[in-house]
Amino acid sequence: MTHRRRMVLSWVSLIAVGVLSMVFWRVELYHHGWEGLKWVKYSHRAVPVGTGMFIVWVIVVNGSLALRRRILLALALFFASVFGYYRTGDALYLLFYPRATLLVPPWAQIPLRCAAVAWLGLVPVLCSGVGWVSGVRPTWRRTLASEVVYLLSAPAAMGLLWVTKHRGGADFVHTIKSGFVIPFLVVALGILFLPRRPAPAAHDNCLNDDAKDADIG
C-alpha cells in the first residue's frame, strides 16, 4: 500500500472514530436525560469506549512499529487517558463550578484557575510527549498543527451549535454536553499519531549511488 493511500485511510478512519465517539456520547446522554445537570453527575461509559477506539486506531495505523513498541504505546496511552480524564474533570470543575474554590485562599484562586486553563490548553503537547516516550516521535509541525486544531475545537463546535440551532445554546458548556466538540478533539490528537512517510530502503540508496557513479563514469 502506498503512503498516500495509507494517509487517506488513516484520515477517514480517524474522523469515523471521532464521529462514533460523539454518537456514543449523545446516545448515553439522551438515555439518562438531557434536562439540567444530570449529565455531570454520572460516569460516562462513552468516554472509555471512545478512548478505546482511539487507542486501537493509533495501534492499527502505526502497524509498522515493532510489537514491543506498539504494546508500550497502547499502555502509555491508556494510563495517560486515565490520568487526563480525572485531571480534565478537576480543571473543568475549578473553572465552571462556583463553589469549587470556597475553601481555597483568595491569593491561590487565580494561580489555580490559570493552571486549569494551561492544562486544558496543553493536552496535545502532553500527548506528543507520550508519543515520544513510546517511540512514535511526532514532529514539531504535527504537534503545532494538533495544538491549533485542539484550540479551535470549541469555537468550531460552538459554530455548529449555532448553525443547527441546537437546544441549550451555543456556548462552551454545551459544546461538551452536546458532544459536538468530540470529533474535533479526536482529530486534533490523532494528527500526532498519523503514519509517517517511510524512510528510503538502504538498497534503494545503494542503487541510486551506483547510478550516480555510472553517470559520472
N, C-alpha and C. Protein backbone atom coordinates (compact mmCIF):
# COMPACT_ATOMS: atom_id res chain seq x y z
N MET A 1 0.84 -1.20 0.00
CA MET A 1 0.00 0.00 0.00
C MET A 1 0.88 1.25 0.00
N THR A 2 0.56 2.21 -0.86
CA THR A 2 1.34 3.44 -0.93
C THR A 2 1.09 4.30 0.31
N HIS A 3 2.05 5.18 0.56
CA HIS A 3 1.92 6.06 1.73
C HIS A 3 0.70 6.97 1.58
N ARG A 4 0.44 7.45 0.37
CA ARG A 4 -0.72 8.33 0.16
C ARG A 4 -2.02 7.63 0.51
N ARG A 5 -2.14 6.37 0.09
CA ARG A 5 -3.36 5.64 0.39
C ARG A 5 -3.48 5.37 1.88
N ARG A 6 -2.36 5.06 2.53
CA ARG A 6 -2.38 4.85 3.98
C ARG A 6 -2.85 6.11 4.70
N MET A 7 -2.39 7.26 4.23
CA MET A 7 -2.79 8.52 4.87
C MET A 7 -4.28 8.77 4.69
N VAL A 8 -4.79 8.52 3.48
CA VAL A 8 -6.22 8.73 3.24
C VAL A 8 -7.05 7.83 4.14
N LEU A 9 -6.69 6.54 4.20
CA LEU A 9 -7.42 5.61 5.06
C LEU A 9 -7.30 5.99 6.53
N SER A 10 -6.14 6.47 6.93
CA SER A 10 -5.94 6.88 8.32
C SER A 10 -6.82 8.08 8.67
N TRP A 11 -6.89 9.05 7.76
CA TRP A 11 -7.73 10.22 8.00
C TRP A 11 -9.21 9.85 8.07
N VAL A 12 -9.64 9.03 7.11
CA VAL A 12 -11.06 8.64 7.09
C VAL A 12 -11.43 7.87 8.36
N SER A 13 -10.58 6.94 8.76
CA SER A 13 -10.87 6.14 9.96
C SER A 13 -10.79 6.99 11.22
N LEU A 14 -9.89 7.98 11.25
CA LEU A 14 -9.79 8.88 12.41
C LEU A 14 -11.07 9.70 12.57
N ILE A 15 -11.55 10.26 11.47
CA ILE A 15 -12.80 11.02 11.52
C ILE A 15 -13.96 10.13 11.95
N ALA A 16 -13.95 8.87 11.45
CA ALA A 16 -15.01 7.93 11.83
C ALA A 16 -14.97 7.66 13.33
N VAL A 17 -13.77 7.51 13.90
CA VAL A 17 -13.64 7.30 15.35
C VAL A 17 -14.21 8.50 16.11
N GLY A 18 -13.91 9.72 15.63
CA GLY A 18 -14.43 10.91 16.29
C GLY A 18 -15.94 11.00 16.24
N VAL A 19 -16.51 10.71 15.08
CA VAL A 19 -17.97 10.78 14.93
C VAL A 19 -18.66 9.70 15.76
N LEU A 20 -18.11 8.48 15.74
CA LEU A 20 -18.70 7.39 16.54
C LEU A 20 -18.62 7.71 18.03
N SER A 21 -17.52 8.30 18.46
CA SER A 21 -17.38 8.68 19.87
C SER A 21 -18.46 9.68 20.26
N MET A 22 -18.73 10.65 19.36
CA MET A 22 -19.79 11.62 19.62
C MET A 22 -21.15 10.94 19.67
N VAL A 23 -21.39 9.99 18.76
CA VAL A 23 -22.67 9.29 18.73
C VAL A 23 -22.89 8.52 20.03
N PHE A 24 -21.87 7.80 20.50
CA PHE A 24 -21.99 7.06 21.76
C PHE A 24 -22.28 8.01 22.92
N TRP A 25 -21.61 9.17 22.93
CA TRP A 25 -21.83 10.17 23.97
C TRP A 25 -23.28 10.65 23.98
N ARG A 26 -23.79 11.00 22.79
CA ARG A 26 -25.14 11.53 22.70
C ARG A 26 -26.20 10.48 23.04
N VAL A 27 -25.98 9.24 22.61
CA VAL A 27 -26.93 8.17 22.93
C VAL A 27 -27.01 7.98 24.44
N GLU A 28 -25.85 7.97 25.09
CA GLU A 28 -25.83 7.80 26.55
C GLU A 28 -26.49 9.00 27.24
N LEU A 29 -26.21 10.20 26.72
CA LEU A 29 -26.77 11.40 27.32
C LEU A 29 -28.30 11.40 27.23
N TYR A 30 -28.83 11.09 26.07
CA TYR A 30 -30.28 11.08 25.92
C TYR A 30 -30.92 9.91 26.67
N HIS A 31 -30.16 8.83 26.86
CA HIS A 31 -30.68 7.71 27.67
C HIS A 31 -30.90 8.14 29.11
N HIS A 32 -29.96 8.94 29.64
CA HIS A 32 -30.10 9.41 31.03
C HIS A 32 -31.00 10.64 31.13
N GLY A 33 -31.17 11.35 30.03
CA GLY A 33 -31.99 12.56 30.06
C GLY A 33 -31.17 13.80 29.83
N TRP A 34 -31.64 14.67 28.93
CA TRP A 34 -30.91 15.88 28.58
C TRP A 34 -31.05 16.97 29.64
N GLU A 35 -32.17 17.03 30.30
CA GLU A 35 -32.52 18.16 31.15
C GLU A 35 -31.49 18.42 32.25
N GLY A 36 -31.26 19.71 32.50
CA GLY A 36 -30.47 20.15 33.64
C GLY A 36 -29.03 19.67 33.64
N LEU A 37 -28.54 19.40 34.85
CA LEU A 37 -27.14 19.00 35.03
C LEU A 37 -26.99 17.52 35.36
N LYS A 38 -27.97 16.72 34.93
CA LYS A 38 -27.86 15.28 35.15
C LYS A 38 -26.55 14.73 34.59
N TRP A 39 -26.14 15.27 33.45
CA TRP A 39 -25.01 14.71 32.72
C TRP A 39 -23.68 14.85 33.44
N VAL A 40 -23.60 15.73 34.44
CA VAL A 40 -22.34 15.88 35.17
C VAL A 40 -22.30 15.02 36.43
N LYS A 41 -23.38 14.27 36.68
CA LYS A 41 -23.49 13.55 37.94
C LYS A 41 -23.30 12.04 37.80
N TYR A 42 -22.93 11.58 36.62
CA TYR A 42 -22.69 10.14 36.45
C TYR A 42 -21.48 9.92 35.56
N SER A 43 -20.90 8.74 35.68
CA SER A 43 -19.73 8.39 34.85
C SER A 43 -20.21 8.03 33.44
N HIS A 44 -19.59 8.64 32.47
CA HIS A 44 -19.98 8.42 31.08
C HIS A 44 -19.22 7.23 30.50
N ARG A 45 -19.94 6.16 30.18
CA ARG A 45 -19.31 4.99 29.58
C ARG A 45 -18.80 5.28 28.18
N ALA A 46 -19.34 6.32 27.57
CA ALA A 46 -18.87 6.70 26.23
C ALA A 46 -17.41 7.12 26.24
N VAL A 47 -16.92 7.60 27.38
CA VAL A 47 -15.53 8.05 27.46
C VAL A 47 -14.56 6.88 27.29
N PRO A 48 -14.66 5.80 28.09
CA PRO A 48 -13.75 4.68 27.85
C PRO A 48 -13.96 4.01 26.50
N VAL A 49 -15.20 4.01 26.00
CA VAL A 49 -15.45 3.41 24.68
C VAL A 49 -14.72 4.22 23.60
N GLY A 50 -14.88 5.53 23.63
CA GLY A 50 -14.20 6.39 22.66
C GLY A 50 -12.70 6.33 22.78
N THR A 51 -12.21 6.30 24.03
CA THR A 51 -10.77 6.21 24.26
C THR A 51 -10.23 4.89 23.72
N GLY A 52 -10.96 3.81 23.97
CA GLY A 52 -10.53 2.51 23.47
C GLY A 52 -10.46 2.47 21.95
N MET A 53 -11.46 3.07 21.29
CA MET A 53 -11.45 3.12 19.82
C MET A 53 -10.25 3.93 19.32
N PHE A 54 -9.94 5.02 20.01
CA PHE A 54 -8.82 5.85 19.60
C PHE A 54 -7.50 5.10 19.75
N ILE A 55 -7.32 4.40 20.86
CA ILE A 55 -6.08 3.66 21.08
C ILE A 55 -5.92 2.56 20.04
N VAL A 56 -7.02 1.86 19.74
CA VAL A 56 -6.96 0.83 18.70
C VAL A 56 -6.59 1.45 17.36
N TRP A 57 -7.16 2.61 17.05
CA TRP A 57 -6.82 3.30 15.81
C TRP A 57 -5.33 3.62 15.75
N VAL A 58 -4.79 4.16 16.84
CA VAL A 58 -3.36 4.50 16.88
C VAL A 58 -2.50 3.27 16.62
N ILE A 59 -2.83 2.15 17.25
CA ILE A 59 -2.05 0.94 17.09
C ILE A 59 -2.13 0.41 15.66
N VAL A 60 -3.32 0.48 15.07
CA VAL A 60 -3.50 -0.04 13.70
C VAL A 60 -2.74 0.80 12.68
N VAL A 61 -2.86 2.13 12.76
CA VAL A 61 -2.21 2.97 11.75
C VAL A 61 -0.70 3.01 11.93
N ASN A 62 -0.22 2.60 13.10
CA ASN A 62 1.23 2.53 13.33
C ASN A 62 1.69 1.07 13.35
N GLY A 63 1.11 0.28 12.47
CA GLY A 63 1.42 -1.15 12.41
C GLY A 63 2.85 -1.46 12.04
N SER A 64 3.56 -0.47 11.48
CA SER A 64 4.96 -0.71 11.11
C SER A 64 5.89 -0.73 12.32
N LEU A 65 5.41 -0.25 13.46
CA LEU A 65 6.22 -0.29 14.68
C LEU A 65 6.39 -1.74 15.15
N ALA A 66 7.48 -1.99 15.83
CA ALA A 66 7.70 -3.32 16.41
C ALA A 66 6.61 -3.60 17.44
N LEU A 67 6.31 -4.88 17.64
CA LEU A 67 5.24 -5.28 18.56
C LEU A 67 5.47 -4.71 19.95
N ARG A 68 6.71 -4.73 20.41
CA ARG A 68 7.01 -4.22 21.75
C ARG A 68 6.69 -2.73 21.84
N ARG A 69 7.00 -1.99 20.78
CA ARG A 69 6.71 -0.56 20.75
C ARG A 69 5.20 -0.30 20.76
N ARG A 70 4.46 -1.11 20.03
CA ARG A 70 3.02 -0.92 19.98
C ARG A 70 2.37 -1.21 21.33
N ILE A 71 2.87 -2.25 22.01
CA ILE A 71 2.35 -2.56 23.35
C ILE A 71 2.65 -1.42 24.31
N LEU A 72 3.88 -0.90 24.24
CA LEU A 72 4.27 0.23 25.09
C LEU A 72 3.41 1.45 24.78
N LEU A 73 3.15 1.69 23.49
CA LEU A 73 2.33 2.83 23.09
C LEU A 73 0.91 2.69 23.61
N ALA A 74 0.33 1.50 23.48
CA ALA A 74 -1.04 1.28 23.96
C ALA A 74 -1.13 1.48 25.47
N LEU A 75 -0.17 0.95 26.21
CA LEU A 75 -0.19 1.11 27.67
C LEU A 75 0.00 2.57 28.07
N ALA A 76 0.92 3.26 27.38
CA ALA A 76 1.17 4.66 27.70
C ALA A 76 -0.08 5.50 27.43
N LEU A 77 -0.75 5.25 26.32
CA LEU A 77 -1.97 5.99 26.00
C LEU A 77 -3.08 5.67 26.98
N PHE A 78 -3.16 4.42 27.41
CA PHE A 78 -4.20 4.03 28.37
C PHE A 78 -4.02 4.77 29.69
N PHE A 79 -2.81 4.70 30.25
CA PHE A 79 -2.58 5.35 31.54
C PHE A 79 -2.65 6.88 31.42
N ALA A 80 -2.20 7.42 30.30
CA ALA A 80 -2.29 8.87 30.10
C ALA A 80 -3.74 9.31 29.99
N SER A 81 -4.58 8.48 29.35
CA SER A 81 -6.00 8.84 29.21
C SER A 81 -6.72 8.79 30.55
N VAL A 82 -6.39 7.81 31.39
CA VAL A 82 -7.00 7.74 32.73
C VAL A 82 -6.60 8.95 33.56
N PHE A 83 -5.30 9.25 33.55
CA PHE A 83 -4.81 10.42 34.28
C PHE A 83 -5.45 11.70 33.73
N GLY A 84 -5.48 11.83 32.40
CA GLY A 84 -6.03 13.02 31.77
C GLY A 84 -7.51 13.20 32.02
N TYR A 85 -8.25 12.09 32.08
CA TYR A 85 -9.69 12.16 32.32
C TYR A 85 -10.00 12.82 33.66
N TYR A 86 -9.29 12.39 34.71
CA TYR A 86 -9.56 12.92 36.04
C TYR A 86 -9.02 14.35 36.19
N ARG A 87 -7.84 14.63 35.61
CA ARG A 87 -7.30 15.98 35.71
C ARG A 87 -8.14 16.98 34.91
N THR A 88 -8.68 16.55 33.76
CA THR A 88 -9.55 17.43 32.98
C THR A 88 -10.84 17.70 33.74
N GLY A 89 -11.37 16.67 34.40
CA GLY A 89 -12.56 16.87 35.23
C GLY A 89 -12.30 17.87 36.34
N ASP A 90 -11.13 17.77 36.97
CA ASP A 90 -10.76 18.72 38.03
C ASP A 90 -10.67 20.14 37.47
N ALA A 91 -10.06 20.27 36.28
CA ALA A 91 -9.88 21.59 35.69
C ALA A 91 -11.23 22.22 35.35
N LEU A 92 -12.13 21.46 34.75
CA LEU A 92 -13.45 21.98 34.41
C LEU A 92 -14.24 22.33 35.67
N TYR A 93 -14.08 21.51 36.71
CA TYR A 93 -14.75 21.77 37.99
C TYR A 93 -14.28 23.11 38.58
N LEU A 94 -12.97 23.36 38.53
CA LEU A 94 -12.43 24.61 39.05
C LEU A 94 -12.93 25.82 38.27
N LEU A 95 -13.06 25.66 36.97
CA LEU A 95 -13.40 26.80 36.12
C LEU A 95 -14.89 27.11 36.08
N PHE A 96 -15.75 26.09 36.24
CA PHE A 96 -17.16 26.30 35.98
C PHE A 96 -18.07 26.05 37.19
N TYR A 97 -17.50 25.55 38.29
CA TYR A 97 -18.35 25.32 39.46
C TYR A 97 -18.03 26.39 40.50
N PRO A 98 -18.96 27.29 40.79
CA PRO A 98 -18.68 28.45 41.65
C PRO A 98 -18.14 28.07 43.03
N ARG A 99 -18.60 26.94 43.57
CA ARG A 99 -18.19 26.58 44.93
C ARG A 99 -16.87 25.82 44.98
N ALA A 100 -16.25 25.61 43.84
CA ALA A 100 -15.04 24.79 43.80
C ALA A 100 -13.89 25.40 44.59
N THR A 101 -13.87 26.74 44.68
CA THR A 101 -12.75 27.40 45.34
C THR A 101 -13.14 28.05 46.67
N LEU A 102 -14.24 27.62 47.25
CA LEU A 102 -14.68 28.22 48.51
C LEU A 102 -13.65 28.05 49.62
N LEU A 103 -12.98 26.89 49.65
CA LEU A 103 -12.02 26.61 50.71
C LEU A 103 -10.59 26.97 50.30
N VAL A 104 -10.44 27.60 49.13
CA VAL A 104 -9.11 27.98 48.65
C VAL A 104 -8.85 29.43 49.02
N PRO A 105 -7.68 29.75 49.59
CA PRO A 105 -7.37 31.15 49.92
C PRO A 105 -7.46 32.03 48.68
N PRO A 106 -7.90 33.28 48.84
CA PRO A 106 -8.05 34.17 47.68
C PRO A 106 -6.79 34.30 46.84
N TRP A 107 -5.60 34.32 47.49
CA TRP A 107 -4.36 34.51 46.75
C TRP A 107 -4.03 33.31 45.86
N ALA A 108 -4.63 32.15 46.16
CA ALA A 108 -4.32 30.94 45.39
C ALA A 108 -5.34 30.65 44.29
N GLN A 109 -6.44 31.39 44.28
CA GLN A 109 -7.51 31.07 43.32
C GLN A 109 -7.11 31.37 41.88
N ILE A 110 -6.50 32.52 41.65
CA ILE A 110 -6.10 32.87 40.29
C ILE A 110 -5.03 31.90 39.76
N PRO A 111 -3.96 31.59 40.53
CA PRO A 111 -2.99 30.60 40.03
C PRO A 111 -3.62 29.24 39.74
N LEU A 112 -4.59 28.82 40.58
CA LEU A 112 -5.25 27.54 40.34
C LEU A 112 -6.04 27.56 39.03
N ARG A 113 -6.75 28.63 38.79
CA ARG A 113 -7.53 28.74 37.55
C ARG A 113 -6.61 28.83 36.33
N CYS A 114 -5.50 29.53 36.48
CA CYS A 114 -4.53 29.61 35.38
C CYS A 114 -3.95 28.23 35.08
N ALA A 115 -3.67 27.47 36.14
CA ALA A 115 -3.16 26.11 35.95
C ALA A 115 -4.19 25.23 35.26
N ALA A 116 -5.48 25.42 35.61
CA ALA A 116 -6.54 24.64 34.96
C ALA A 116 -6.63 24.96 33.48
N VAL A 117 -6.56 26.26 33.14
CA VAL A 117 -6.60 26.67 31.73
C VAL A 117 -5.39 26.13 30.98
N ALA A 118 -4.21 26.21 31.62
CA ALA A 118 -2.99 25.71 30.98
C ALA A 118 -3.09 24.21 30.71
N TRP A 119 -3.64 23.47 31.67
CA TRP A 119 -3.80 22.03 31.48
C TRP A 119 -4.71 21.74 30.29
N LEU A 120 -5.85 22.42 30.24
CA LEU A 120 -6.80 22.19 29.16
C LEU A 120 -6.19 22.56 27.81
N GLY A 121 -5.36 23.59 27.78
CA GLY A 121 -4.81 24.07 26.52
C GLY A 121 -3.61 23.30 26.02
N LEU A 122 -2.90 22.61 26.92
CA LEU A 122 -1.64 21.97 26.53
C LEU A 122 -1.76 20.45 26.41
N VAL A 123 -2.98 19.93 26.36
CA VAL A 123 -3.16 18.48 26.23
C VAL A 123 -2.44 17.91 25.01
N PRO A 124 -2.50 18.55 23.82
CA PRO A 124 -1.77 17.99 22.67
C PRO A 124 -0.27 17.90 22.88
N VAL A 125 0.30 18.90 23.56
CA VAL A 125 1.74 18.87 23.83
C VAL A 125 2.08 17.69 24.74
N LEU A 126 1.25 17.45 25.75
CA LEU A 126 1.47 16.32 26.66
C LEU A 126 1.31 15.00 25.92
N CYS A 127 0.33 14.91 25.01
CA CYS A 127 0.15 13.69 24.22
C CYS A 127 1.33 13.48 23.28
N SER A 128 1.88 14.56 22.77
CA SER A 128 3.08 14.46 21.94
C SER A 128 4.24 13.88 22.74
N GLY A 129 4.33 14.28 24.00
CA GLY A 129 5.35 13.71 24.88
C GLY A 129 5.17 12.22 25.08
N VAL A 130 3.90 11.79 25.23
CA VAL A 130 3.60 10.36 25.34
C VAL A 130 4.07 9.63 24.08
N GLY A 131 3.82 10.24 22.92
CA GLY A 131 4.26 9.64 21.67
C GLY A 131 5.77 9.51 21.60
N TRP A 132 6.49 10.53 22.05
CA TRP A 132 7.95 10.47 22.02
C TRP A 132 8.47 9.37 22.94
N VAL A 133 7.91 9.28 24.12
CA VAL A 133 8.34 8.25 25.06
C VAL A 133 8.09 6.85 24.50
N SER A 134 7.01 6.71 23.71
CA SER A 134 6.60 5.41 23.19
C SER A 134 7.21 5.06 21.84
N GLY A 135 7.97 5.98 21.27
CA GLY A 135 8.65 5.66 20.02
C GLY A 135 8.01 6.19 18.76
N VAL A 136 6.84 6.87 18.86
CA VAL A 136 6.20 7.41 17.66
C VAL A 136 6.88 8.71 17.22
N ARG A 137 7.26 9.54 18.17
CA ARG A 137 8.00 10.76 17.95
C ARG A 137 7.34 11.72 16.97
N PRO A 138 6.22 12.33 17.36
CA PRO A 138 5.57 13.32 16.49
C PRO A 138 6.51 14.50 16.23
N THR A 139 6.51 15.03 15.02
CA THR A 139 7.34 16.18 14.69
C THR A 139 6.76 17.45 15.32
N TRP A 140 7.57 18.49 15.36
CA TRP A 140 7.08 19.75 15.94
C TRP A 140 5.97 20.33 15.08
N ARG A 141 6.02 20.08 13.76
CA ARG A 141 4.95 20.57 12.89
C ARG A 141 3.62 19.89 13.23
N ARG A 142 3.67 18.59 13.46
CA ARG A 142 2.44 17.88 13.83
C ARG A 142 1.94 18.32 15.20
N THR A 143 2.86 18.53 16.12
CA THR A 143 2.47 19.00 17.45
C THR A 143 1.81 20.37 17.36
N LEU A 144 2.38 21.24 16.55
CA LEU A 144 1.80 22.58 16.37
C LEU A 144 0.43 22.49 15.71
N ALA A 145 0.31 21.66 14.66
CA ALA A 145 -0.98 21.50 13.98
C ALA A 145 -2.03 20.93 14.93
N SER A 146 -1.62 19.96 15.75
CA SER A 146 -2.52 19.36 16.72
C SER A 146 -2.99 20.40 17.73
N GLU A 147 -2.07 21.23 18.19
CA GLU A 147 -2.41 22.27 19.17
C GLU A 147 -3.39 23.28 18.58
N VAL A 148 -3.16 23.69 17.33
CA VAL A 148 -4.03 24.67 16.68
C VAL A 148 -5.44 24.10 16.52
N VAL A 149 -5.55 22.88 16.00
CA VAL A 149 -6.88 22.27 15.81
C VAL A 149 -7.56 22.07 17.16
N TYR A 150 -6.79 21.68 18.17
CA TYR A 150 -7.34 21.48 19.52
C TYR A 150 -7.93 22.77 20.07
N LEU A 151 -7.19 23.88 19.93
CA LEU A 151 -7.66 25.16 20.46
C LEU A 151 -8.86 25.70 19.68
N LEU A 152 -8.96 25.32 18.41
CA LEU A 152 -10.09 25.76 17.60
C LEU A 152 -11.31 24.84 17.72
N SER A 153 -11.17 23.75 18.46
CA SER A 153 -12.25 22.76 18.56
C SER A 153 -13.51 23.37 19.18
N ALA A 154 -13.35 24.06 20.30
CA ALA A 154 -14.52 24.64 20.97
C ALA A 154 -15.20 25.70 20.11
N PRO A 155 -14.45 26.66 19.52
CA PRO A 155 -15.13 27.63 18.63
C PRO A 155 -15.84 26.96 17.45
N ALA A 156 -15.21 25.92 16.87
CA ALA A 156 -15.85 25.23 15.75
C ALA A 156 -17.14 24.54 16.20
N ALA A 157 -17.09 23.92 17.39
CA ALA A 157 -18.29 23.25 17.91
C ALA A 157 -19.38 24.27 18.24
N MET A 158 -18.98 25.43 18.76
CA MET A 158 -19.97 26.48 19.02
C MET A 158 -20.64 26.92 17.72
N GLY A 159 -19.83 27.02 16.65
CA GLY A 159 -20.39 27.38 15.35
C GLY A 159 -21.43 26.37 14.88
N LEU A 160 -21.14 25.08 15.08
CA LEU A 160 -22.10 24.04 14.71
C LEU A 160 -23.37 24.14 15.55
N LEU A 161 -23.20 24.40 16.83
CA LEU A 161 -24.37 24.57 17.70
C LEU A 161 -25.24 25.72 17.22
N TRP A 162 -24.58 26.80 16.81
CA TRP A 162 -25.33 27.98 16.37
C TRP A 162 -26.02 27.71 15.03
N VAL A 163 -25.32 27.08 14.10
CA VAL A 163 -25.89 26.80 12.77
C VAL A 163 -27.08 25.85 12.88
N THR A 164 -26.95 24.84 13.74
CA THR A 164 -28.03 23.85 13.87
C THR A 164 -29.11 24.27 14.86
N LYS A 165 -28.91 25.44 15.49
CA LYS A 165 -29.87 25.93 16.50
C LYS A 165 -30.13 24.85 17.55
N HIS A 166 -29.04 24.29 18.05
CA HIS A 166 -29.12 23.18 19.00
C HIS A 166 -29.71 23.64 20.32
N ARG A 167 -30.45 22.76 20.94
CA ARG A 167 -31.06 23.11 22.23
C ARG A 167 -29.98 23.41 23.26
N GLY A 168 -30.23 24.41 24.08
CA GLY A 168 -29.29 24.79 25.12
C GLY A 168 -28.44 26.00 24.78
N GLY A 169 -28.29 26.29 23.48
CA GLY A 169 -27.49 27.44 23.09
C GLY A 169 -26.09 27.07 22.63
N ALA A 170 -25.41 28.07 22.09
CA ALA A 170 -24.06 27.86 21.54
C ALA A 170 -23.03 28.44 22.49
N ASP A 171 -22.71 27.71 23.55
CA ASP A 171 -21.69 28.13 24.49
C ASP A 171 -20.73 26.98 24.77
N PHE A 172 -19.69 27.27 25.55
CA PHE A 172 -18.64 26.28 25.77
C PHE A 172 -19.18 25.02 26.45
N VAL A 173 -20.01 25.20 27.48
CA VAL A 173 -20.53 24.05 28.22
C VAL A 173 -21.32 23.13 27.30
N HIS A 174 -22.10 23.72 26.39
CA HIS A 174 -22.92 22.89 25.51
C HIS A 174 -22.13 22.25 24.37
N THR A 175 -20.91 22.74 24.11
CA THR A 175 -20.06 22.00 23.17
C THR A 175 -19.71 20.64 23.74
N ILE A 176 -19.56 20.58 25.07
CA ILE A 176 -19.26 19.31 25.73
C ILE A 176 -20.54 18.50 25.89
N LYS A 177 -21.58 19.13 26.41
CA LYS A 177 -22.83 18.40 26.67
C LYS A 177 -23.40 17.79 25.39
N SER A 178 -23.36 18.54 24.29
CA SER A 178 -23.90 18.04 23.03
C SER A 178 -23.00 17.00 22.39
N GLY A 179 -21.72 17.00 22.77
CA GLY A 179 -20.77 16.10 22.15
C GLY A 179 -20.18 16.62 20.85
N PHE A 180 -20.60 17.82 20.41
CA PHE A 180 -20.14 18.36 19.13
C PHE A 180 -18.63 18.60 19.09
N VAL A 181 -18.04 18.82 20.26
CA VAL A 181 -16.60 19.10 20.29
C VAL A 181 -15.76 17.83 20.14
N ILE A 182 -16.35 16.68 20.39
CA ILE A 182 -15.59 15.43 20.44
C ILE A 182 -14.87 15.10 19.14
N PRO A 183 -15.53 15.12 17.97
CA PRO A 183 -14.80 14.79 16.74
C PRO A 183 -13.59 15.69 16.50
N PHE A 184 -13.72 16.99 16.81
CA PHE A 184 -12.61 17.91 16.62
C PHE A 184 -11.44 17.56 17.53
N LEU A 185 -11.73 17.21 18.79
CA LEU A 185 -10.67 16.84 19.73
C LEU A 185 -9.98 15.56 19.29
N VAL A 186 -10.77 14.59 18.83
CA VAL A 186 -10.20 13.31 18.38
C VAL A 186 -9.27 13.54 17.19
N VAL A 187 -9.71 14.35 16.23
CA VAL A 187 -8.87 14.65 15.07
C VAL A 187 -7.59 15.38 15.49
N ALA A 188 -7.75 16.34 16.42
CA ALA A 188 -6.59 17.10 16.89
C ALA A 188 -5.52 16.19 17.48
N LEU A 189 -5.92 15.26 18.33
CA LEU A 189 -4.95 14.35 18.95
C LEU A 189 -4.48 13.29 17.97
N GLY A 190 -5.34 12.91 17.04
CA GLY A 190 -4.96 11.90 16.06
C GLY A 190 -3.88 12.37 15.12
N ILE A 191 -3.81 13.68 14.86
CA ILE A 191 -2.76 14.22 13.99
C ILE A 191 -1.37 13.80 14.47
N LEU A 192 -1.21 13.69 15.79
CA LEU A 192 0.09 13.33 16.36
C LEU A 192 0.52 11.92 15.98
N PHE A 193 -0.44 11.05 15.71
CA PHE A 193 -0.14 9.63 15.54
C PHE A 193 -0.39 9.11 14.13
N LEU A 194 -0.60 10.01 13.18
CA LEU A 194 -0.75 9.57 11.80
C LEU A 194 0.53 8.91 11.32
N PRO A 195 0.44 7.94 10.41
CA PRO A 195 1.66 7.25 9.94
C PRO A 195 2.61 8.21 9.24
N ARG A 196 3.88 8.02 9.47
CA ARG A 196 4.90 8.86 8.84
C ARG A 196 5.38 8.22 7.56
N ARG A 197 5.89 9.05 6.66
CA ARG A 197 6.41 8.53 5.41
C ARG A 197 7.62 7.64 5.70
N PRO A 198 7.65 6.41 5.17
CA PRO A 198 8.77 5.51 5.46
C PRO A 198 10.06 6.04 4.85
N ALA A 199 11.16 5.79 5.56
CA ALA A 199 12.47 6.20 5.06
C ALA A 199 12.86 5.33 3.87
N PRO A 200 13.61 5.86 2.92
CA PRO A 200 14.04 5.05 1.77
C PRO A 200 14.84 3.83 2.23
N ALA A 201 14.60 2.71 1.58
CA ALA A 201 15.33 1.48 1.94
C ALA A 201 16.80 1.63 1.63
N ALA A 202 17.60 0.91 2.39
CA ALA A 202 19.05 1.02 2.25
C ALA A 202 19.50 0.59 0.85
N HIS A 203 18.88 -0.49 0.31
CA HIS A 203 19.33 -0.96 -1.00
C HIS A 203 18.94 0.02 -2.10
N ASP A 204 17.85 0.81 -1.89
CA ASP A 204 17.49 1.83 -2.86
C ASP A 204 18.54 2.92 -2.90
N ASN A 205 19.07 3.26 -1.72
CA ASN A 205 20.12 4.27 -1.67
C ASN A 205 21.36 3.78 -2.39
N CYS A 206 21.66 2.49 -2.19
CA CYS A 206 22.83 1.93 -2.85
C CYS A 206 22.67 1.96 -4.37
N LEU A 207 21.46 1.63 -4.85
CA LEU A 207 21.20 1.66 -6.29
C LEU A 207 21.33 3.07 -6.85
N ASN A 208 20.85 4.04 -6.07
CA ASN A 208 20.97 5.42 -6.51
C ASN A 208 22.42 5.85 -6.59
N ASP A 209 23.22 5.43 -5.59
CA ASP A 209 24.63 5.76 -5.60
C ASP A 209 25.33 5.14 -6.79
N ASP A 210 24.99 3.86 -7.09
CA ASP A 210 25.60 3.17 -8.25
C ASP A 210 25.24 3.88 -9.54
N ALA A 211 23.98 4.35 -9.62
CA ALA A 211 23.54 5.04 -10.84
C ALA A 211 24.30 6.36 -11.02
N LYS A 212 24.53 7.06 -9.88
CA LYS A 212 25.28 8.32 -9.96
C LYS A 212 26.72 8.05 -10.41
N ASP A 213 27.34 6.96 -9.86
CA ASP A 213 28.71 6.62 -10.26
C ASP A 213 28.78 6.30 -11.74
N ALA A 214 27.73 5.58 -12.23
CA ALA A 214 27.71 5.21 -13.65
C ALA A 214 27.60 6.45 -14.52
N ASP A 215 26.81 7.44 -14.07
CA ASP A 215 26.65 8.67 -14.84
C ASP A 215 27.96 9.44 -14.88
N ILE A 216 28.66 9.46 -13.75
CA ILE A 216 29.94 10.17 -13.69
C ILE A 216 30.97 9.50 -14.60
N GLY A 217 30.92 8.10 -14.54
CA GLY A 217 31.87 7.36 -15.39
C GLY A 217 31.57 7.59 -16.87
